[in-house]
């Protein structure tokens, strides 16, 4: 199994899952963004994005799908909830909420506030998406009160999905308005040995 990764990019979710699950893997860390900084990577993954996972004949490009795949394929049941669990629906919803709802506005903010050349930056657009991201935390703000983890009273890959979005918000400087319970949750999750090890790669 091999994973292509950029430090602190969305591929961090996959690295974190591999570390938590103690699955052996080969890691290749690329400069960001790899499609520009290491164009030969396009021969491996024509999208030029990370993560990119190869496991036998299986190839995958979506960070949350990779987490889901690893847990199911390698029977890492401690990191999932099963369909007969009363919180199974919540678990799936949080699992996909991380990218579909939270990371999307962050990437638009990141593009127009930081990644575009100075002449192409759009401060108003960036700030609109910053506000949109913070509004999209409303469900998490309420849900995490009094909880250590998102669901099942234990750590699951749903926590990996959501924590990365919160961590990205912190990295790009749009975390000042996180509510205290969300900050505490982020601190707990990023204090896990698996996260610390993954974030160092």
N, C-alpha and C. Protein backbone atom coordinates (compact mmCIF):
# COMPACT_ATOMS: atom_id res chain seq x y z
N UNK A 1 0.84 -1.18 0.00
CA UNK A 1 0.00 0.00 0.00
C UNK A 1 0.88 1.24 0.00
N UNK A 2 0.53 2.19 -0.87
CA UNK A 2 1.31 3.44 -0.94
C UNK A 2 0.36 4.62 -0.96
N UNK A 3 0.75 5.67 -0.24
CA UNK A 3 -0.04 6.90 -0.18
C UNK A 3 0.84 8.08 -0.56
N UNK A 4 0.32 8.91 -1.47
CA UNK A 4 0.97 10.18 -1.81
C UNK A 4 0.29 11.28 -1.00
N UNK A 5 1.09 12.20 -0.49
CA UNK A 5 0.64 13.11 0.56
C UNK A 5 1.37 14.44 0.43
N UNK A 6 0.71 15.52 0.81
CA UNK A 6 1.37 16.81 1.04
C UNK A 6 1.14 17.18 2.50
N UNK A 7 2.15 17.70 3.13
CA UNK A 7 2.06 18.02 4.55
C UNK A 7 0.89 18.97 4.81
N UNK A 8 0.03 18.56 5.74
CA UNK A 8 -1.11 19.33 6.24
C UNK A 8 -2.20 19.56 5.20
N UNK A 9 -2.12 18.90 4.05
CA UNK A 9 -3.21 18.93 3.08
C UNK A 9 -4.28 17.92 3.50
N UNK A 10 -5.34 17.80 2.69
CA UNK A 10 -6.43 16.88 3.05
C UNK A 10 -5.96 15.44 3.18
N UNK A 11 -4.85 15.12 2.54
CA UNK A 11 -4.28 13.78 2.67
C UNK A 11 -3.88 13.46 4.10
N UNK A 12 -3.77 14.48 4.96
CA UNK A 12 -3.49 14.24 6.37
C UNK A 12 -4.54 13.32 6.99
N UNK A 13 -5.79 13.43 6.52
CA UNK A 13 -6.83 12.52 7.03
C UNK A 13 -6.44 11.06 6.82
N UNK A 14 -5.97 10.75 5.62
CA UNK A 14 -5.61 9.36 5.30
C UNK A 14 -4.40 8.91 6.11
N UNK A 15 -3.40 9.77 6.24
CA UNK A 15 -2.21 9.42 7.03
C UNK A 15 -2.61 9.18 8.48
N UNK A 16 -3.45 10.06 9.01
CA UNK A 16 -3.90 9.92 10.39
C UNK A 16 -4.65 8.60 10.59
N UNK A 17 -5.53 8.26 9.65
CA UNK A 17 -6.27 7.00 9.76
C UNK A 17 -5.30 5.81 9.75
N UNK A 18 -4.33 5.84 8.87
CA UNK A 18 -3.36 4.75 8.80
C UNK A 18 -2.58 4.62 10.10
N UNK A 19 -2.21 5.75 10.69
CA UNK A 19 -1.47 5.71 11.95
C UNK A 19 -2.35 5.18 13.09
N UNK A 20 -3.58 5.66 13.17
CA UNK A 20 -4.48 5.19 14.23
C UNK A 20 -4.76 3.70 14.10
N UNK A 21 -4.91 3.23 12.87
CA UNK A 21 -5.27 1.83 12.62
C UNK A 21 -4.07 0.90 12.60
N UNK A 22 -2.86 1.48 12.68
CA UNK A 22 -1.62 0.68 12.68
C UNK A 22 -1.53 -0.22 11.45
N UNK A 23 -1.84 0.36 10.29
CA UNK A 23 -1.72 -0.35 9.02
C UNK A 23 -0.38 0.04 8.39
N UNK A 24 0.36 -0.94 7.91
CA UNK A 24 1.65 -0.66 7.28
C UNK A 24 1.42 -0.02 5.91
N UNK A 25 2.22 1.00 5.60
CA UNK A 25 2.07 1.70 4.32
C UNK A 25 3.37 2.39 3.96
N UNK A 26 3.50 2.67 2.68
CA UNK A 26 4.61 3.48 2.18
C UNK A 26 4.08 4.88 1.92
N UNK A 27 4.82 5.89 2.33
CA UNK A 27 4.38 7.27 2.18
C UNK A 27 5.35 8.04 1.29
N UNK A 28 4.79 8.75 0.33
CA UNK A 28 5.59 9.69 -0.46
C UNK A 28 5.02 11.09 -0.24
N UNK A 29 5.83 11.96 0.34
CA UNK A 29 5.39 13.32 0.64
C UNK A 29 5.88 14.25 -0.45
N UNK A 30 4.95 15.02 -1.00
CA UNK A 30 5.21 15.89 -2.14
C UNK A 30 5.14 17.35 -1.73
N UNK A 31 5.78 18.25 -2.48
CA UNK A 31 5.58 19.69 -2.25
C UNK A 31 4.19 20.10 -2.71
N UNK A 32 3.65 21.15 -2.10
CA UNK A 32 2.29 21.60 -2.42
C UNK A 32 2.35 22.88 -3.25
N UNK A 33 1.51 22.98 -4.30
CA UNK A 33 0.62 21.95 -4.86
C UNK A 33 1.40 21.05 -5.81
N UNK A 34 1.22 19.75 -5.71
CA UNK A 34 2.09 18.83 -6.45
C UNK A 34 1.97 18.94 -7.96
N UNK A 35 0.79 19.30 -8.48
CA UNK A 35 0.64 19.36 -9.94
C UNK A 35 1.50 20.45 -10.57
N UNK A 36 1.90 21.45 -9.75
CA UNK A 36 2.79 22.50 -10.24
C UNK A 36 4.22 22.30 -9.76
N UNK A 37 4.37 21.86 -8.52
CA UNK A 37 5.69 21.75 -7.92
C UNK A 37 6.42 20.46 -8.31
N UNK A 38 5.66 19.44 -8.67
CA UNK A 38 6.26 18.16 -9.07
C UNK A 38 5.42 17.57 -10.20
N UNK A 39 5.51 18.15 -11.40
CA UNK A 39 4.60 17.79 -12.49
C UNK A 39 4.67 16.33 -12.91
N UNK A 40 5.77 15.64 -12.63
CA UNK A 40 5.83 14.22 -12.99
C UNK A 40 4.83 13.39 -12.18
N UNK A 41 4.33 13.97 -11.08
CA UNK A 41 3.29 13.29 -10.29
C UNK A 41 2.02 13.07 -11.11
N UNK A 42 1.80 13.89 -12.14
CA UNK A 42 0.62 13.73 -12.99
C UNK A 42 0.62 12.38 -13.71
N UNK A 43 1.77 11.77 -13.84
CA UNK A 43 1.83 10.43 -14.44
C UNK A 43 1.27 9.39 -13.48
N UNK A 44 1.34 9.68 -12.18
CA UNK A 44 0.78 8.78 -11.16
C UNK A 44 -0.71 9.05 -10.99
N UNK A 45 -1.04 10.32 -10.80
CA UNK A 45 -2.43 10.74 -10.60
C UNK A 45 -2.71 11.92 -11.53
N UNK A 46 -3.41 11.68 -12.63
CA UNK A 46 -3.67 12.76 -13.60
C UNK A 46 -4.39 13.97 -13.02
N UNK A 47 -5.12 13.79 -11.91
CA UNK A 47 -5.76 14.93 -11.26
C UNK A 47 -4.73 15.86 -10.63
N UNK A 48 -3.59 15.31 -10.26
CA UNK A 48 -2.56 16.12 -9.61
C UNK A 48 -2.87 16.49 -8.19
N UNK A 49 -3.83 15.80 -7.57
CA UNK A 49 -4.26 16.12 -6.21
C UNK A 49 -3.74 15.07 -5.23
N UNK A 50 -3.78 15.43 -3.96
CA UNK A 50 -3.53 14.46 -2.89
C UNK A 50 -4.75 14.46 -1.97
N UNK A 51 -5.01 13.30 -1.37
CA UNK A 51 -4.22 12.07 -1.37
C UNK A 51 -4.41 11.27 -2.65
N UNK A 52 -3.48 10.34 -2.84
CA UNK A 52 -3.64 9.30 -3.85
C UNK A 52 -3.18 8.00 -3.21
N UNK A 53 -4.08 7.04 -3.15
CA UNK A 53 -3.79 5.76 -2.50
C UNK A 53 -3.78 4.65 -3.54
N UNK A 54 -2.77 3.80 -3.46
CA UNK A 54 -2.73 2.57 -4.25
C UNK A 54 -2.66 1.41 -3.28
N UNK A 55 -3.63 0.52 -3.37
CA UNK A 55 -3.66 -0.68 -2.53
C UNK A 55 -4.00 -1.85 -3.44
N UNK A 56 -2.97 -2.54 -3.92
CA UNK A 56 -3.21 -3.58 -4.91
C UNK A 56 -3.74 -2.96 -6.18
N UNK A 57 -4.90 -3.43 -6.63
CA UNK A 57 -5.51 -2.88 -7.85
C UNK A 57 -6.42 -1.69 -7.57
N UNK A 58 -6.54 -1.31 -6.31
CA UNK A 58 -7.42 -0.21 -5.92
C UNK A 58 -6.65 1.11 -5.93
N UNK A 59 -7.23 2.13 -6.56
CA UNK A 59 -6.67 3.48 -6.50
C UNK A 59 -7.77 4.43 -6.03
N UNK A 60 -7.41 5.37 -5.16
CA UNK A 60 -8.40 6.28 -4.59
C UNK A 60 -7.81 7.68 -4.45
N UNK A 61 -8.69 8.69 -4.57
CA UNK A 61 -8.25 10.09 -4.52
C UNK A 61 -8.97 10.92 -3.46
N UNK A 62 -9.97 10.38 -2.79
CA UNK A 62 -10.77 11.16 -1.84
C UNK A 62 -10.39 10.81 -0.41
N UNK A 63 -10.03 11.82 0.38
CA UNK A 63 -9.47 11.57 1.71
C UNK A 63 -10.44 10.85 2.63
N UNK A 64 -11.70 11.26 2.65
CA UNK A 64 -12.65 10.63 3.56
C UNK A 64 -13.02 9.23 3.06
N UNK A 65 -13.13 9.07 1.75
CA UNK A 65 -13.39 7.74 1.20
C UNK A 65 -12.26 6.78 1.54
N UNK A 66 -11.02 7.27 1.53
CA UNK A 66 -9.88 6.43 1.90
C UNK A 66 -10.00 5.98 3.35
N UNK A 67 -10.34 6.90 4.24
CA UNK A 67 -10.54 6.52 5.65
C UNK A 67 -11.61 5.44 5.77
N UNK A 68 -12.71 5.63 5.07
CA UNK A 68 -13.82 4.66 5.10
C UNK A 68 -13.35 3.31 4.55
N UNK A 69 -12.65 3.34 3.43
CA UNK A 69 -12.13 2.13 2.80
C UNK A 69 -11.20 1.36 3.75
N UNK A 70 -10.27 2.06 4.36
CA UNK A 70 -9.31 1.40 5.24
C UNK A 70 -10.02 0.71 6.41
N UNK A 71 -10.97 1.41 7.00
CA UNK A 71 -11.68 0.84 8.15
C UNK A 71 -12.46 -0.41 7.77
N UNK A 72 -13.13 -0.36 6.62
CA UNK A 72 -13.96 -1.50 6.20
C UNK A 72 -13.11 -2.63 5.61
N UNK A 73 -12.17 -2.28 4.75
CA UNK A 73 -11.35 -3.29 4.08
C UNK A 73 -10.51 -4.09 5.07
N UNK A 74 -9.97 -3.39 6.06
CA UNK A 74 -9.06 -4.04 7.00
C UNK A 74 -9.72 -4.33 8.35
N UNK A 75 -11.05 -4.27 8.38
CA UNK A 75 -11.84 -4.68 9.55
C UNK A 75 -11.40 -3.96 10.83
N UNK A 76 -11.19 -2.65 10.69
CA UNK A 76 -10.82 -1.84 11.84
C UNK A 76 -12.10 -1.30 12.49
N UNK A 77 -12.85 -2.22 13.06
CA UNK A 77 -14.19 -1.90 13.55
C UNK A 77 -14.19 -0.91 14.71
N UNK A 78 -13.07 -0.79 15.41
CA UNK A 78 -13.00 0.16 16.52
C UNK A 78 -13.13 1.60 16.04
N UNK A 79 -12.95 1.83 14.74
CA UNK A 79 -12.96 3.19 14.21
C UNK A 79 -14.22 3.52 13.42
N UNK A 80 -15.20 2.62 13.47
CA UNK A 80 -16.46 2.83 12.74
C UNK A 80 -17.64 2.53 13.65
N UNK A 81 -18.82 2.87 13.17
CA UNK A 81 -20.06 2.37 13.76
C UNK A 81 -20.76 1.54 12.70
N UNK A 82 -21.40 0.47 13.12
CA UNK A 82 -22.05 -0.44 12.19
C UNK A 82 -23.53 -0.08 12.02
N UNK A 83 -24.16 -0.57 10.94
CA UNK A 83 -25.55 -0.19 10.65
C UNK A 83 -26.55 -0.45 11.76
N UNK A 84 -26.26 -1.39 12.65
CA UNK A 84 -27.20 -1.66 13.74
C UNK A 84 -26.98 -0.76 14.95
N UNK A 85 -25.98 0.12 14.87
CA UNK A 85 -25.74 1.05 15.98
C UNK A 85 -26.76 2.19 15.90
N UNK A 86 -27.33 2.61 17.03
CA UNK A 86 -28.35 3.67 16.98
C UNK A 86 -27.84 5.01 16.44
N UNK A 87 -26.53 5.23 16.47
CA UNK A 87 -25.97 6.49 15.96
C UNK A 87 -25.33 6.32 14.58
N UNK A 88 -25.65 5.23 13.89
CA UNK A 88 -25.03 4.97 12.59
C UNK A 88 -25.29 6.10 11.60
N UNK A 89 -26.51 6.60 11.55
CA UNK A 89 -26.82 7.70 10.64
C UNK A 89 -26.02 8.95 10.96
N UNK A 90 -25.92 9.27 12.24
CA UNK A 90 -25.11 10.41 12.66
C UNK A 90 -23.65 10.22 12.25
N UNK A 91 -23.15 9.02 12.47
CA UNK A 91 -21.76 8.70 12.12
C UNK A 91 -21.49 8.96 10.64
N UNK A 92 -22.35 8.45 9.76
CA UNK A 92 -22.16 8.66 8.33
C UNK A 92 -22.29 10.14 7.97
N UNK A 93 -23.24 10.81 8.59
CA UNK A 93 -23.44 12.22 8.28
C UNK A 93 -22.22 13.06 8.66
N UNK A 94 -21.67 12.83 9.85
CA UNK A 94 -20.47 13.56 10.26
C UNK A 94 -19.28 13.19 9.38
N UNK A 95 -19.20 11.93 9.00
CA UNK A 95 -18.09 11.47 8.17
C UNK A 95 -18.01 12.28 6.88
N UNK A 96 -19.15 12.51 6.24
CA UNK A 96 -19.15 13.22 4.96
C UNK A 96 -19.36 14.72 5.10
N UNK A 97 -19.79 15.15 6.26
CA UNK A 97 -19.95 16.58 6.56
C UNK A 97 -18.60 17.31 6.47
N UNK A 98 -17.53 16.60 6.82
CA UNK A 98 -16.21 17.23 6.89
C UNK A 98 -15.80 17.88 5.59
N UNK A 99 -15.98 17.19 4.46
CA UNK A 99 -15.60 17.77 3.17
C UNK A 99 -16.76 18.47 2.50
N UNK A 100 -17.91 17.82 2.46
CA UNK A 100 -19.03 18.36 1.69
C UNK A 100 -19.52 19.69 2.23
N UNK A 101 -19.49 19.86 3.55
CA UNK A 101 -20.05 21.07 4.16
C UNK A 101 -18.98 22.03 4.66
N UNK A 102 -17.91 21.51 5.25
CA UNK A 102 -16.94 22.40 5.92
C UNK A 102 -15.73 22.76 5.06
N UNK A 103 -15.11 21.79 4.42
CA UNK A 103 -13.85 22.08 3.73
C UNK A 103 -14.07 22.89 2.46
N UNK A 104 -15.22 22.73 1.81
CA UNK A 104 -15.45 23.45 0.55
C UNK A 104 -15.28 24.97 0.69
N UNK A 105 -16.00 25.65 1.61
CA UNK A 105 -15.80 27.10 1.69
C UNK A 105 -14.39 27.49 2.12
N UNK A 106 -13.72 26.62 2.87
CA UNK A 106 -12.34 26.91 3.25
C UNK A 106 -11.42 26.97 2.03
N UNK A 107 -11.64 26.06 1.09
CA UNK A 107 -10.76 26.04 -0.08
C UNK A 107 -10.94 27.29 -0.94
N UNK A 108 -12.17 27.82 -1.00
CA UNK A 108 -12.39 29.06 -1.75
C UNK A 108 -11.71 30.23 -1.04
N UNK A 109 -11.85 30.27 0.30
CA UNK A 109 -11.15 31.29 1.07
C UNK A 109 -9.65 31.21 0.83
N UNK A 110 -9.12 30.00 0.92
CA UNK A 110 -7.68 29.80 0.76
C UNK A 110 -7.20 30.27 -0.61
N UNK A 111 -7.97 29.96 -1.62
CA UNK A 111 -7.57 30.37 -2.98
C UNK A 111 -7.51 31.89 -3.11
N UNK A 112 -8.59 32.56 -2.71
CA UNK A 112 -8.68 34.00 -2.99
C UNK A 112 -8.00 34.87 -1.94
N UNK A 113 -7.64 34.28 -0.81
CA UNK A 113 -6.92 35.05 0.22
C UNK A 113 -5.42 34.79 0.20
N UNK A 114 -5.00 33.61 -0.29
CA UNK A 114 -3.59 33.22 -0.11
C UNK A 114 -2.91 32.67 -1.35
N UNK A 115 -3.60 31.83 -2.12
CA UNK A 115 -2.92 31.09 -3.18
C UNK A 115 -2.82 31.84 -4.50
N UNK A 116 -3.79 32.67 -4.80
CA UNK A 116 -3.74 33.43 -6.05
C UNK A 116 -2.63 34.48 -5.98
N UNK A 117 -2.15 34.88 -7.14
CA UNK A 117 -1.18 35.98 -7.19
C UNK A 117 -1.83 37.24 -6.62
N UNK A 118 -1.01 38.18 -6.19
CA UNK A 118 -1.53 39.39 -5.54
C UNK A 118 -2.60 40.08 -6.38
N UNK A 119 -2.37 40.17 -7.69
CA UNK A 119 -3.32 40.90 -8.53
C UNK A 119 -4.64 40.16 -8.73
N UNK A 120 -4.64 38.85 -8.48
CA UNK A 120 -5.86 38.07 -8.67
C UNK A 120 -6.59 37.74 -7.37
N UNK A 121 -6.07 38.20 -6.25
CA UNK A 121 -6.75 37.93 -4.98
C UNK A 121 -8.03 38.75 -4.88
N UNK A 122 -9.00 38.17 -4.17
CA UNK A 122 -10.32 38.80 -4.03
C UNK A 122 -10.68 38.84 -2.54
N UNK A 123 -10.25 39.88 -1.82
CA UNK A 123 -10.49 39.92 -0.37
C UNK A 123 -11.96 39.81 0.02
N UNK A 124 -12.85 40.44 -0.75
CA UNK A 124 -14.28 40.39 -0.41
C UNK A 124 -14.82 38.97 -0.58
N UNK A 125 -14.45 38.32 -1.67
CA UNK A 125 -14.87 36.93 -1.89
C UNK A 125 -14.33 36.04 -0.77
N UNK A 126 -13.06 36.21 -0.45
CA UNK A 126 -12.44 35.40 0.60
C UNK A 126 -13.16 35.59 1.93
N UNK A 127 -13.48 36.82 2.27
CA UNK A 127 -14.14 37.07 3.55
C UNK A 127 -15.56 36.52 3.56
N UNK A 128 -16.24 36.58 2.43
CA UNK A 128 -17.58 35.99 2.35
C UNK A 128 -17.53 34.48 2.62
N UNK A 129 -16.53 33.81 2.07
CA UNK A 129 -16.42 32.36 2.29
C UNK A 129 -15.94 32.04 3.70
N UNK A 130 -15.15 32.91 4.29
CA UNK A 130 -14.78 32.73 5.70
C UNK A 130 -16.03 32.75 6.57
N UNK A 131 -16.89 33.73 6.33
CA UNK A 131 -18.13 33.83 7.11
C UNK A 131 -19.05 32.64 6.85
N UNK A 132 -19.08 32.20 5.60
CA UNK A 132 -19.92 31.05 5.25
C UNK A 132 -19.44 29.80 5.98
N UNK A 133 -18.13 29.60 6.01
CA UNK A 133 -17.57 28.46 6.74
C UNK A 133 -17.98 28.50 8.21
N UNK A 134 -17.83 29.65 8.85
CA UNK A 134 -18.16 29.76 10.27
C UNK A 134 -19.64 29.51 10.52
N UNK A 135 -20.50 29.95 9.60
CA UNK A 135 -21.93 29.67 9.74
C UNK A 135 -22.23 28.18 9.63
N UNK A 136 -21.42 27.49 8.84
CA UNK A 136 -21.64 26.06 8.64
C UNK A 136 -21.20 25.22 9.85
N UNK A 137 -20.62 25.86 10.83
CA UNK A 137 -20.25 25.16 12.07
C UNK A 137 -21.42 25.08 13.05
N UNK A 138 -22.57 25.63 12.69
CA UNK A 138 -23.67 25.73 13.65
C UNK A 138 -24.10 24.37 14.19
N UNK A 139 -24.12 23.36 13.34
CA UNK A 139 -24.54 22.03 13.80
C UNK A 139 -23.51 21.44 14.76
N UNK A 140 -22.24 21.58 14.42
CA UNK A 140 -21.18 21.07 15.29
C UNK A 140 -21.16 21.82 16.61
N UNK A 141 -21.36 23.14 16.57
CA UNK A 141 -21.34 23.94 17.80
C UNK A 141 -22.32 23.38 18.83
N UNK A 142 -23.49 22.98 18.37
CA UNK A 142 -24.51 22.46 19.29
C UNK A 142 -24.24 21.00 19.65
N UNK A 143 -23.83 20.23 18.66
CA UNK A 143 -23.71 18.78 18.85
C UNK A 143 -22.59 18.41 19.82
N UNK A 144 -21.48 19.12 19.80
CA UNK A 144 -20.30 18.69 20.54
C UNK A 144 -20.36 19.09 22.01
N UNK A 145 -21.34 19.89 22.40
CA UNK A 145 -21.47 20.28 23.81
C UNK A 145 -21.65 19.02 24.67
N UNK A 146 -20.77 18.85 25.64
CA UNK A 146 -20.87 17.72 26.55
C UNK A 146 -20.41 16.39 25.99
N UNK A 147 -19.82 16.40 24.80
CA UNK A 147 -19.35 15.16 24.17
C UNK A 147 -17.83 15.19 24.04
N UNK A 148 -17.23 14.04 24.24
CA UNK A 148 -15.79 13.92 23.98
C UNK A 148 -15.53 13.65 22.51
N UNK A 149 -16.40 12.82 21.90
CA UNK A 149 -16.28 12.45 20.49
C UNK A 149 -17.59 12.75 19.78
N UNK A 150 -17.59 12.66 18.47
CA UNK A 150 -18.79 13.00 17.71
C UNK A 150 -19.93 12.02 17.91
N UNK A 151 -19.61 10.73 17.97
CA UNK A 151 -20.68 9.74 18.05
C UNK A 151 -20.15 8.43 18.62
N UNK A 152 -21.05 7.65 19.16
CA UNK A 152 -20.69 6.34 19.67
C UNK A 152 -19.87 6.35 20.94
N UNK A 153 -19.66 7.53 21.52
CA UNK A 153 -18.86 7.68 22.74
C UNK A 153 -17.44 7.14 22.59
N UNK A 154 -16.93 7.20 21.35
CA UNK A 154 -15.55 6.78 21.11
C UNK A 154 -15.04 7.42 19.83
N UNK A 155 -13.73 7.36 19.66
CA UNK A 155 -13.08 7.94 18.49
C UNK A 155 -13.40 7.10 17.26
N UNK A 156 -13.85 7.78 16.18
CA UNK A 156 -14.11 7.11 14.91
C UNK A 156 -13.51 7.93 13.78
N UNK A 157 -13.58 7.38 12.57
CA UNK A 157 -13.07 8.13 11.42
C UNK A 157 -13.90 9.38 11.15
N UNK A 158 -15.11 9.47 11.71
CA UNK A 158 -15.87 10.72 11.61
C UNK A 158 -15.13 11.84 12.33
N UNK A 159 -14.48 11.53 13.44
CA UNK A 159 -13.68 12.53 14.15
C UNK A 159 -12.49 12.98 13.30
N UNK A 160 -11.90 12.06 12.55
CA UNK A 160 -10.81 12.44 11.65
C UNK A 160 -11.32 13.41 10.59
N UNK A 161 -12.48 13.10 10.02
CA UNK A 161 -13.03 13.94 8.95
C UNK A 161 -13.30 15.36 9.43
N UNK A 162 -13.95 15.50 10.57
CA UNK A 162 -14.32 16.82 11.08
C UNK A 162 -13.11 17.56 11.64
N UNK A 163 -12.26 16.85 12.37
CA UNK A 163 -11.10 17.51 12.97
C UNK A 163 -10.20 18.13 11.91
N UNK A 164 -10.01 17.44 10.78
CA UNK A 164 -9.14 18.04 9.76
C UNK A 164 -9.70 19.37 9.29
N UNK A 165 -11.01 19.46 9.09
CA UNK A 165 -11.61 20.73 8.65
C UNK A 165 -11.35 21.83 9.68
N UNK A 166 -11.52 21.50 10.95
CA UNK A 166 -11.25 22.49 12.00
C UNK A 166 -9.78 22.87 12.04
N UNK A 167 -8.92 21.88 11.87
CA UNK A 167 -7.48 22.11 11.87
C UNK A 167 -7.07 22.99 10.69
N UNK A 168 -7.65 22.72 9.52
CA UNK A 168 -7.37 23.56 8.36
C UNK A 168 -7.79 25.00 8.63
N UNK A 169 -8.96 25.17 9.25
CA UNK A 169 -9.39 26.52 9.60
C UNK A 169 -8.38 27.23 10.48
N UNK A 170 -7.81 26.49 11.41
CA UNK A 170 -6.78 27.07 12.29
C UNK A 170 -5.52 27.41 11.51
N UNK A 171 -5.11 26.53 10.60
CA UNK A 171 -3.89 26.77 9.83
C UNK A 171 -4.00 28.01 8.95
N UNK A 172 -5.20 28.27 8.42
CA UNK A 172 -5.35 29.40 7.51
C UNK A 172 -5.91 30.64 8.20
N UNK A 173 -6.00 30.57 9.54
CA UNK A 173 -6.28 31.76 10.32
C UNK A 173 -7.73 32.20 10.37
N UNK A 174 -8.67 31.24 10.25
CA UNK A 174 -10.08 31.62 10.34
C UNK A 174 -10.76 30.91 11.51
N UNK A 175 -9.98 30.69 12.57
CA UNK A 175 -10.48 29.96 13.74
C UNK A 175 -10.76 30.86 14.93
N UNK A 176 -10.56 32.16 14.80
CA UNK A 176 -10.71 33.05 15.96
C UNK A 176 -12.11 33.01 16.54
N UNK A 177 -13.11 32.74 15.70
CA UNK A 177 -14.50 32.73 16.15
C UNK A 177 -15.02 31.33 16.47
N UNK A 178 -14.14 30.33 16.56
CA UNK A 178 -14.58 29.01 17.00
C UNK A 178 -15.15 29.13 18.42
N UNK A 179 -16.26 28.49 18.68
CA UNK A 179 -16.81 28.48 20.03
C UNK A 179 -15.93 27.61 20.93
N UNK A 180 -16.00 27.86 22.23
CA UNK A 180 -15.06 27.24 23.17
C UNK A 180 -15.13 25.72 23.13
N UNK A 181 -16.34 25.16 22.98
CA UNK A 181 -16.46 23.70 22.97
C UNK A 181 -15.83 23.10 21.71
N UNK A 182 -15.84 23.86 20.61
CA UNK A 182 -15.21 23.40 19.37
C UNK A 182 -13.69 23.48 19.51
N UNK A 183 -13.20 24.56 20.11
CA UNK A 183 -11.76 24.68 20.35
C UNK A 183 -11.27 23.54 21.23
N UNK A 184 -12.05 23.21 22.26
CA UNK A 184 -11.66 22.13 23.17
C UNK A 184 -11.64 20.79 22.44
N UNK A 185 -12.64 20.57 21.60
CA UNK A 185 -12.69 19.33 20.82
C UNK A 185 -11.48 19.23 19.89
N UNK A 186 -11.17 20.32 19.20
CA UNK A 186 -10.02 20.34 18.30
C UNK A 186 -8.73 20.05 19.07
N UNK A 187 -8.58 20.65 20.23
CA UNK A 187 -7.39 20.41 21.05
C UNK A 187 -7.29 18.95 21.47
N UNK A 188 -8.42 18.36 21.85
CA UNK A 188 -8.40 16.94 22.26
C UNK A 188 -7.98 16.04 21.11
N UNK A 189 -8.57 16.27 19.95
CA UNK A 189 -8.30 15.40 18.82
C UNK A 189 -6.86 15.55 18.32
N UNK A 190 -6.36 16.78 18.29
CA UNK A 190 -5.00 17.00 17.77
C UNK A 190 -3.94 16.68 18.81
N UNK A 191 -4.36 16.32 20.01
CA UNK A 191 -3.41 15.85 21.04
C UNK A 191 -3.23 14.33 20.99
N UNK A 192 -4.01 13.66 20.17
CA UNK A 192 -3.88 12.21 20.06
C UNK A 192 -2.53 11.85 19.44
N UNK A 193 -1.88 10.81 19.95
CA UNK A 193 -0.59 10.41 19.37
C UNK A 193 -0.66 10.12 17.88
N UNK A 194 -1.76 9.54 17.42
CA UNK A 194 -1.90 9.25 15.99
C UNK A 194 -1.88 10.50 15.14
N UNK A 195 -2.56 11.55 15.62
CA UNK A 195 -2.55 12.81 14.88
C UNK A 195 -1.16 13.43 14.89
N UNK A 196 -0.53 13.46 16.05
CA UNK A 196 0.79 14.08 16.17
C UNK A 196 1.79 13.39 15.24
N UNK A 197 1.73 12.07 15.20
CA UNK A 197 2.64 11.34 14.33
C UNK A 197 2.35 11.62 12.86
N UNK A 198 1.06 11.62 12.50
CA UNK A 198 0.69 11.87 11.10
C UNK A 198 1.04 13.29 10.68
N UNK A 199 0.83 14.24 11.55
CA UNK A 199 1.07 15.65 11.21
C UNK A 199 2.55 15.95 11.04
N UNK A 200 3.39 15.08 11.56
CA UNK A 200 4.83 15.27 11.41
C UNK A 200 5.39 14.72 10.12
N UNK A 201 4.52 14.12 9.29
CA UNK A 201 5.01 13.45 8.07
C UNK A 201 4.77 14.30 6.83
